[in-house]
Protein backbone atom coordinates (compact mmCIF):
# COMPACT_ATOMS: atom_id res chain seq x y z
CA UNK A 1 16.36 -12.81 3.89
CA UNK A 2 13.75 -12.40 6.60
CA UNK A 3 16.45 -11.24 9.07
CA UNK A 4 17.55 -8.64 6.54
CA UNK A 5 13.95 -7.48 6.15
CA UNK A 6 13.58 -7.18 9.92
CA UNK A 7 16.69 -5.01 10.04
CA UNK A 8 15.39 -2.83 7.21
CA UNK A 9 12.08 -2.40 9.03
CA UNK A 10 13.84 -1.35 12.22
CA UNK A 11 16.10 1.19 10.46
CA UNK A 12 13.25 2.79 8.52
CA UNK A 13 11.02 3.12 11.58
CA UNK A 14 13.88 4.32 13.77
CA UNK A 15 14.48 7.19 11.34
CA UNK A 16 10.77 7.99 11.26
CA UNK A 17 10.68 7.86 15.05
CA UNK A 18 13.39 10.54 15.10
CA UNK A 19 11.70 13.00 12.71
CA UNK A 20 7.94 12.38 13.05
CA UNK A 21 6.79 15.45 14.94
CA UNK A 22 3.15 16.51 14.90
CA UNK A 23 0.96 13.57 15.91
CA UNK A 24 -0.88 10.72 14.14
CA UNK A 25 -1.87 12.72 11.05
CA UNK A 26 1.78 13.50 10.35
CA UNK A 27 2.82 9.91 11.05
CA UNK A 28 0.32 8.61 8.50
CA UNK A 29 1.70 11.05 5.96
CA UNK A 30 5.26 9.90 6.61
CA UNK A 31 4.25 6.23 6.40
CA UNK A 32 2.35 6.72 3.15
CA UNK A 33 5.23 8.53 1.49
CA UNK A 34 7.94 6.21 2.84
CA UNK A 35 6.40 2.77 2.47
CA UNK A 36 4.04 3.25 -0.48
CA UNK A 37 5.65 5.88 -2.66
CA UNK A 38 9.38 5.58 -1.94
CA UNK A 39 10.03 1.98 -0.87
CA UNK A 40 7.04 0.23 -2.45
CA UNK A 41 6.67 -2.20 0.46
CA UNK A 42 2.90 -2.21 -0.06
CA UNK A 43 0.42 -0.81 -2.55
CA UNK A 44 -1.85 2.14 -1.94
CA UNK A 45 -4.80 -0.26 -1.70
CA UNK A 46 -3.02 -2.39 0.92
CA UNK A 47 -2.08 0.76 2.83
CA UNK A 48 -5.73 1.85 2.74
CA UNK A 49 -6.98 -1.47 4.12
CA UNK A 50 -4.48 -1.42 6.97
CA UNK A 51 -5.28 2.21 7.75
CA UNK A 52 -9.01 1.51 7.85
CA UNK A 53 -8.49 -1.40 10.25
CA UNK A 54 -6.35 0.71 12.57
CA UNK A 55 -8.99 3.46 12.57
CA UNK A 56 -11.63 0.95 13.69
CA UNK A 57 -9.67 -0.50 16.62
CA UNK A 58 -8.84 1.09 19.98
CA UNK A 59 -5.25 2.12 20.53
CA UNK A 60 -2.66 4.40 18.90
CA UNK A 61 -3.72 4.39 15.24
CA UNK A 62 -0.39 5.51 13.76
CA UNK A 63 1.66 3.06 15.86
CA UNK A 64 -0.77 0.28 14.99
CA UNK A 65 -0.37 1.18 11.32
CA UNK A 66 3.41 0.94 11.70
CA UNK A 67 3.01 -2.39 13.49
CA UNK A 68 0.83 -3.64 10.62
CA UNK A 69 3.28 -2.44 7.97
CA UNK A 70 6.12 -4.19 9.80
CA UNK A 71 4.09 -7.38 9.97
CA UNK A 72 3.25 -7.13 6.28
CA UNK A 73 6.94 -6.80 5.48
CA UNK A 74 8.59 -9.28 7.86
CA UNK A 75 6.05 -11.07 10.06
CA UNK A 76 6.12 -10.87 13.84
CA UNK A 77 9.77 -9.81 13.90
CA UNK A 78 9.00 -6.97 11.51
CA UNK A 79 6.00 -5.86 13.57
CA UNK A 80 8.03 -5.76 16.79
CA UNK A 81 10.93 -4.03 15.02
CA UNK A 82 8.57 -1.37 13.68
CA UNK A 83 7.20 -0.71 17.16
CA UNK A 84 10.65 -0.64 18.75
CA UNK A 85 12.19 1.63 16.12
CA UNK A 86 9.31 4.09 16.00
CA UNK A 87 8.88 4.31 19.79
CA UNK A 88 12.49 4.21 21.01
CA UNK A 89 13.46 7.88 20.38
CA UNK A 90 10.47 9.37 22.22
CA UNK A 91 10.75 6.73 24.96
CA UNK A 92 14.36 7.71 25.68
CA UNK A 93 13.66 11.44 25.53
CA UNK A 94 10.68 11.27 27.89
CA UNK A 95 12.50 8.92 30.25
CA UNK A 96 15.38 11.41 30.39
CA UNK A 97 12.93 14.23 31.08
CA UNK A 98 11.23 12.25 33.83
CA UNK A 99 14.48 11.67 35.71
CA UNK A 100 15.57 15.29 35.40
CA UNK A 101 17.92 15.30 32.41
CA UNK A 102 15.63 16.93 29.85
CA UNK A 103 16.33 20.58 30.61
CA UNK A 104 16.77 21.80 27.04
CA UNK A 105 13.36 23.44 26.61
CA UNK A 106 14.69 26.99 26.88
CA UNK A 107 17.56 26.48 24.42
CA UNK A 108 17.09 28.93 21.52
CA UNK A 109 18.76 26.74 18.93
CA UNK A 110 16.78 23.68 19.94
CA UNK A 111 13.52 25.63 19.74
CA UNK A 112 14.46 26.81 16.25
CA UNK A 113 15.32 23.26 15.16
CA UNK A 114 12.00 21.95 16.48
CA UNK A 115 10.16 24.70 14.62
CA UNK A 116 11.90 23.70 11.39
CA UNK A 117 10.70 20.12 11.90
CA UNK A 118 7.16 21.39 12.49
CA UNK A 119 7.34 23.09 9.09
CA UNK A 120 8.49 19.78 7.64
CA UNK A 121 5.43 18.14 9.22
CA UNK A 122 3.20 20.73 7.52
CA UNK A 123 4.76 19.91 4.16
CA UNK A 124 4.42 16.15 4.63
CA UNK A 125 0.78 16.34 5.72
CA UNK A 126 -0.10 18.63 2.80
CA UNK A 127 1.56 16.17 0.43
CA UNK A 128 -0.31 13.25 2.03
CA UNK A 129 -3.65 15.04 1.73
CA UNK A 130 -3.04 15.72 -1.96
CA UNK A 131 -1.86 12.19 -2.74
CA UNK A 132 -4.47 10.33 -0.71
CA UNK A 133 -7.36 12.51 -1.88
CA UNK A 134 -6.56 11.53 -5.46
CA UNK A 135 -6.47 7.86 -4.49
CA UNK A 136 -9.39 7.58 -2.06
CA UNK A 137 -11.70 10.42 -3.13
CA UNK A 138 -12.21 9.76 -6.82
CA UNK A 139 -16.02 10.05 -6.82
CA UNK A 140 -18.36 12.86 -5.94
CA UNK A 141 -19.60 11.00 -2.86
CA UNK A 142 -16.14 10.34 -1.41
CA UNK A 143 -15.05 13.89 -2.15
CA UNK A 144 -18.12 15.13 -0.32
CA UNK A 145 -17.31 12.88 2.65
CA UNK A 146 -13.78 14.27 2.76
CA UNK A 147 -14.95 17.91 2.70
CA UNK A 148 -17.79 17.43 5.18
CA UNK A 149 -15.51 15.54 7.58
CA UNK A 150 -12.88 18.29 7.49
CA UNK A 151 -15.51 21.03 7.85
CA UNK A 152 -17.14 19.28 10.80
CA UNK A 153 -13.80 18.96 12.60
CA UNK A 154 -12.86 22.58 11.91
CA UNK A 155 -16.24 23.63 13.29
CA UNK A 156 -16.41 21.22 16.23
CA UNK A 157 -13.06 19.47 16.85
CA UNK A 158 -12.95 16.49 19.15
CA UNK A 159 -13.15 12.72 19.42
CA UNK A 160 -16.95 12.58 19.25
CA UNK A 161 -16.97 14.43 15.92
CA UNK A 162 -14.28 12.11 14.55
CA UNK A 163 -16.21 8.99 15.55
CA UNK A 164 -19.48 10.34 14.18
CA UNK A 165 -17.93 11.24 10.84
CA UNK A 166 -16.13 7.90 10.50
CA UNK A 167 -19.28 5.98 11.44
CA UNK A 168 -21.47 8.10 9.17
CA UNK A 169 -19.12 7.70 6.22
CA UNK A 170 -18.95 3.94 6.75
CA UNK A 171 -22.75 3.66 6.98
CA UNK A 172 -23.42 5.78 3.89
CA UNK A 173 -20.94 3.92 1.69
CA UNK A 174 -21.92 0.51 3.08
CA UNK A 175 -25.56 1.12 2.19
CA UNK A 176 -24.59 2.18 -1.31
CA UNK A 177 -21.94 -0.60 -1.48
CA UNK A 178 -19.59 2.00 -2.93
CA UNK A 179 -16.36 0.40 -4.12
CA UNK A 180 -17.78 -3.12 -4.00
CA UNK A 181 -17.22 -3.61 -7.70
CA UNK A 182 -13.81 -2.00 -7.85
CA UNK A 183 -12.03 -5.33 -7.65
CA UNK A 184 -12.96 -9.03 -7.60
CA UNK A 185 -13.80 -10.45 -4.23
CA UNK A 186 -10.79 -12.74 -4.36
CA UNK A 187 -8.34 -10.22 -5.78
CA UNK A 188 -5.22 -9.55 -3.78
CA UNK A 189 -6.34 -11.91 -1.03
CA UNK A 190 -3.70 -14.39 0.10
CA UNK A 191 -4.79 -18.00 -0.19
CA UNK A 192 -3.78 -18.70 3.40
CA UNK A 193 -5.95 -15.91 4.79
CA UNK A 194 -8.45 -16.98 7.40
CA UNK A 195 -12.02 -15.79 7.78
CA UNK A 196 -11.73 -16.19 11.56
CA UNK A 197 -9.86 -13.97 14.01
CA UNK A 198 -6.85 -15.33 15.86
CA UNK A 199 -8.66 -16.57 18.95
CA UNK A 200 -5.60 -17.23 21.17
CA UNK A 201 -4.59 -13.58 20.82
CA UNK A 202 -8.12 -12.43 21.66
CA UNK A 203 -8.06 -14.74 24.67
CA UNK A 204 -4.74 -13.26 25.81
CA UNK A 205 -6.20 -9.76 25.45
CA UNK A 206 -9.14 -10.71 27.69
CA UNK A 207 -6.98 -12.51 30.27
CA UNK A 208 -4.72 -9.47 30.66
CA UNK A 209 -7.68 -7.10 30.89
CA UNK A 210 -9.27 -9.14 33.67
CA UNK A 211 -6.17 -10.58 35.32
CA UNK A 212 -3.80 -7.62 35.68
CA UNK A 213 -5.97 -5.83 38.30
CA UNK A 214 -5.97 -9.03 40.37
CA UNK A 215 -2.18 -9.13 40.81
CA UNK A 216 -2.30 -6.76 43.79
CA UNK A 217 1.31 -5.55 43.62
CA UNK A 218 2.15 -1.89 42.84
CA UNK A 219 3.71 -2.84 39.51
CA UNK A 220 0.72 -5.02 38.69
CA UNK A 221 -1.65 -2.15 39.42
CA UNK A 222 0.44 0.20 37.29
CA UNK A 223 0.29 -2.24 34.37
CA UNK A 224 -3.45 -2.74 34.88
CA UNK A 225 -4.18 1.00 34.85
CA UNK A 226 -2.27 1.64 31.63
CA UNK A 227 -3.54 -1.54 29.95
CA UNK A 228 -7.14 -0.57 30.68
CA UNK A 229 -6.59 2.91 29.24
CA UNK A 230 -5.04 1.43 26.09
CA UNK A 231 -8.01 -0.92 25.70
CA UNK A 232 -10.61 1.84 25.80
CA UNK A 233 -9.06 4.78 23.95
CA UNK A 234 -10.32 5.63 20.48
CA UNK A 235 -8.95 8.60 18.59
CA UNK A 236 -5.24 8.63 19.38
CA UNK A 237 -2.85 10.08 21.88
CA UNK A 238 -4.78 13.19 22.90
CA UNK A 239 -7.70 11.08 24.08
CA UNK A 240 -5.60 8.90 26.37
CA UNK A 241 -4.87 11.79 28.75
CA UNK A 242 -8.29 11.91 30.47
CA UNK A 243 -8.36 8.11 30.70
CA UNK A 244 -4.97 8.07 32.41
CA UNK A 245 -5.98 10.92 34.70
CA UNK A 246 -8.93 8.83 35.81
CA UNK A 247 -6.80 5.71 36.24
CA UNK A 248 -3.73 7.07 38.06
CA UNK A 249 -4.89 10.57 39.02
CA UNK A 250 -4.95 9.57 42.67
CA UNK A 251 -1.16 9.13 42.57
CA UNK A 252 0.04 11.94 40.29
CA UNK A 253 -1.02 15.56 40.50
CA UNK A 254 -2.36 17.66 37.65
CA UNK A 255 0.95 19.47 37.16
CA UNK A 256 2.74 16.17 36.52
CA UNK A 257 0.11 15.18 33.96
CA UNK A 258 0.29 18.49 32.14
CA UNK A 259 4.09 18.47 32.12
CA UNK A 260 4.15 14.98 30.66
CA UNK A 261 1.47 15.88 28.14
CA UNK A 262 3.42 18.96 26.99
CA UNK A 263 6.67 17.01 26.70
CA UNK A 264 4.95 14.25 24.72
CA UNK A 265 3.91 16.82 22.14
CA UNK A 266 7.44 18.24 21.86
CA UNK A 267 9.17 14.95 21.07
CA UNK A 268 8.84 12.95 17.83
CA UNK A 269 7.03 9.65 17.56
CA UNK A 270 3.80 8.41 19.14
CA UNK A 271 2.08 10.50 21.79
CA UNK A 272 1.29 7.32 23.70
CA UNK A 273 4.83 7.56 25.08
CA UNK A 274 3.25 9.93 27.55
CA UNK A 275 3.06 6.64 29.46
CA UNK A 276 6.87 6.60 29.60
CA UNK A 277 6.98 9.87 31.53
CA UNK A 278 4.07 8.97 33.81
CA UNK A 279 5.37 5.47 34.49
CA UNK A 280 8.76 6.84 35.53
CA UNK A 281 7.05 9.39 37.79
CA UNK A 282 4.96 6.66 39.39
CA UNK A 283 8.07 4.58 40.18
CA UNK A 284 10.73 7.19 41.11
CA UNK A 285 12.92 4.59 42.82
CA UNK A 286 13.14 2.54 39.58
CA UNK A 287 12.06 4.87 36.76
CA UNK A 288 13.27 2.62 33.94
CA UNK A 289 11.06 -0.27 35.12
CA UNK A 290 8.06 2.01 35.62
CA UNK A 291 8.49 3.69 32.25
CA UNK A 292 8.97 0.43 30.37
CA UNK A 293 6.03 -1.32 32.04
CA UNK A 294 3.64 1.59 31.56
CA UNK A 295 4.62 2.04 27.92
CA UNK A 296 4.23 -1.64 27.04
CA UNK A 297 0.95 -1.89 28.91
CA UNK A 298 -0.55 1.11 27.09
CA UNK A 299 0.48 -0.08 23.62
CA UNK A 300 -0.23 -3.80 24.11
CA UNK A 301 -4.07 -3.87 23.78
CA UNK A 302 -4.14 -2.18 20.39
CA UNK A 303 -1.39 -4.44 19.06
CA UNK A 304 -3.08 -7.61 20.36
CA UNK A 305 -6.39 -6.66 18.76
CA UNK A 306 -4.66 -5.79 15.50
CA UNK A 307 -2.82 -9.11 15.47
CA UNK A 308 -6.04 -10.99 16.23
CA UNK A 309 -8.18 -9.36 13.56
CA UNK A 310 -5.49 -9.00 10.89
CA UNK A 311 -5.70 -12.55 9.43
CA UNK A 312 -9.42 -12.25 8.66
CA UNK A 313 -9.54 -8.58 7.73
CA UNK A 314 -8.91 -9.02 4.00
CA UNK A 315 -11.43 -11.88 3.81
CA UNK A 316 -14.04 -9.69 5.45
CA UNK A 317 -13.33 -6.99 2.87
CA UNK A 318 -14.60 -9.37 0.15
CA UNK A 319 -18.10 -8.65 1.49
CA UNK A 320 -19.56 -5.79 -0.57
CA UNK A 321 -21.05 -3.84 2.34
CA UNK A 322 -17.87 -3.98 4.38
CA UNK A 323 -15.80 -3.04 1.34
CA UNK A 324 -18.09 -0.06 0.85
CA UNK A 325 -17.74 0.87 4.53
CA UNK A 326 -13.95 0.84 4.22
CA UNK A 327 -14.20 3.09 1.16
CA UNK A 328 -16.17 5.57 3.25
CA UNK A 329 -13.75 5.32 6.16
CA UNK A 330 -10.79 6.00 3.87
CA UNK A 331 -12.49 9.11 2.48
CA UNK A 332 -13.25 10.30 6.01
CA UNK A 333 -9.64 9.67 7.04
CA UNK A 334 -8.51 11.99 4.26
CA UNK A 335 -10.91 14.53 5.76
CA UNK A 336 -9.30 13.98 9.15
CA UNK A 337 -5.90 14.65 7.60
CA UNK A 338 -7.24 17.76 5.90
CA UNK A 339 -8.62 19.01 9.21
CA UNK A 340 -5.34 18.22 10.97
CA UNK A 341 -3.46 20.12 8.27
CA UNK A 342 -4.97 23.28 9.76
CA UNK A 343 -5.24 22.29 13.42
CA UNK A 344 -2.82 21.49 14.95
CA UNK A 345 -0.21 21.33 12.16
CA UNK A 346 -0.70 24.70 10.45
CA UNK A 347 -1.44 26.61 13.64
CA UNK A 348 1.65 25.28 15.42
CA UNK A 349 4.01 25.66 12.44
CA UNK A 350 3.00 28.88 10.66
CA UNK A 351 3.59 31.68 13.17
CA UNK A 352 4.87 34.37 10.75
CA UNK A 353 4.92 35.11 7.00
CA UNK A 354 8.45 33.71 6.79
CA UNK A 355 7.13 30.34 8.00
CA UNK A 356 4.59 30.25 5.17
CA UNK A 357 7.30 31.15 2.67
CA UNK A 358 9.58 28.36 3.92
CA UNK A 359 6.71 25.86 3.85
CA UNK A 360 5.84 26.79 0.26
CA UNK A 361 9.46 26.39 -0.83
CA UNK A 362 9.73 23.08 1.00
CA UNK A 363 6.53 21.80 -0.64
CA UNK A 364 7.92 22.72 -4.05
CA UNK A 365 11.19 20.93 -3.28
CA UNK A 366 9.26 17.82 -2.22
CA UNK A 367 6.63 17.62 -4.96
CA UNK A 368 8.46 19.06 -7.98
CA UNK A 369 12.20 18.78 -7.35
CA UNK A 370 11.71 15.42 -5.55
CA UNK A 371 14.31 16.32 -2.93
CA UNK A 372 14.60 13.66 -0.19
CA UNK A 373 12.86 14.44 3.08
CA UNK A 374 16.10 14.38 5.15
CA UNK A 375 17.58 17.07 2.88
CA UNK A 376 14.44 19.20 3.17
CA UNK A 377 14.50 18.76 6.95
CA UNK A 378 18.12 19.92 7.12
CA UNK A 379 17.41 22.95 4.90
CA UNK A 380 14.36 23.97 6.95
CA UNK A 381 16.17 23.63 10.26
CA UNK A 382 19.13 25.67 9.00
CA UNK A 383 16.81 28.33 7.56
CA UNK A 384 14.84 28.69 10.79
CA UNK A 385 18.04 28.91 12.86
CA UNK A 386 19.48 31.57 10.55
CA UNK A 387 16.26 33.58 10.65
CA UNK A 388 15.79 33.24 14.41
């Protein structure tokens, strides 16, 4: 049964890894609709707790959320299958680009197909904002947090604004202990849950952080550079670029960084697979090894921290102030999604009145007709190609 669950996890995340254009906000929308609404693998409350934890830890938040969902469904095998399935498509595409095979950027039909998928991303994020706002912003305070967070990011986008809004929302709701009485302290908590983090995993995280730079070999230094960046990045894929420029900028020029960054935004899946392109560029004589090592090193810190803190996270949520802080974080995350709905999702997808018309029709097909996402994706791609 567990093997079957692992296979199901891999298939679901492989499909999402093929269609999830648009960055972490879109990924969260896809995950919420797929695993909460359609498959019922976890409840909205469980999804919220996992999302809040991933927002608090360094690393790729959407990939960490997928890792956590896979673990929730099928243990360690499910977690690894979720990571492999979600990352594999973008890994292969960026590896192909790095070794000179990805020359399809000027193809008119491909550009039209990608634009259709961007419109699908707009529809999915809009649906996620509507659904999650009803779930996580039921009070006047949480609705205010959502609106203020979105307004702040529209006015002053950037990582610092995100962190300030998340921290402020957590502090406000923790002080008011908002949500502390919404469920019993022991409700929905597994009896085997531990109030302590998984110390061996934390120890491994620290050993790798300290030990990788001491290896001395070129591959060891490559792994150390990407591991350090993955340990320090908060805010998702866009933030990792300056950290990697600082770490390996002495080896790669600015043009290589910008090319990899642009390609990472064109492919589906996590933007952290920028490491795939850069790793292959850093090891041109063995690009597969360089790409694989850099990718694993960049993702590993966030996954190790998530695995270490996961066992005690639900126990910690029984504390009223922390439960209130998570309520505030969830409301702020909805604000982040609302802000992302405009920038970059709306701005990159809606380039003409016909785009807005297609998005409106697609949203109707999703919310009212309940048409499956793959069917909507196919219709949008065909429509954009015909109108191109």
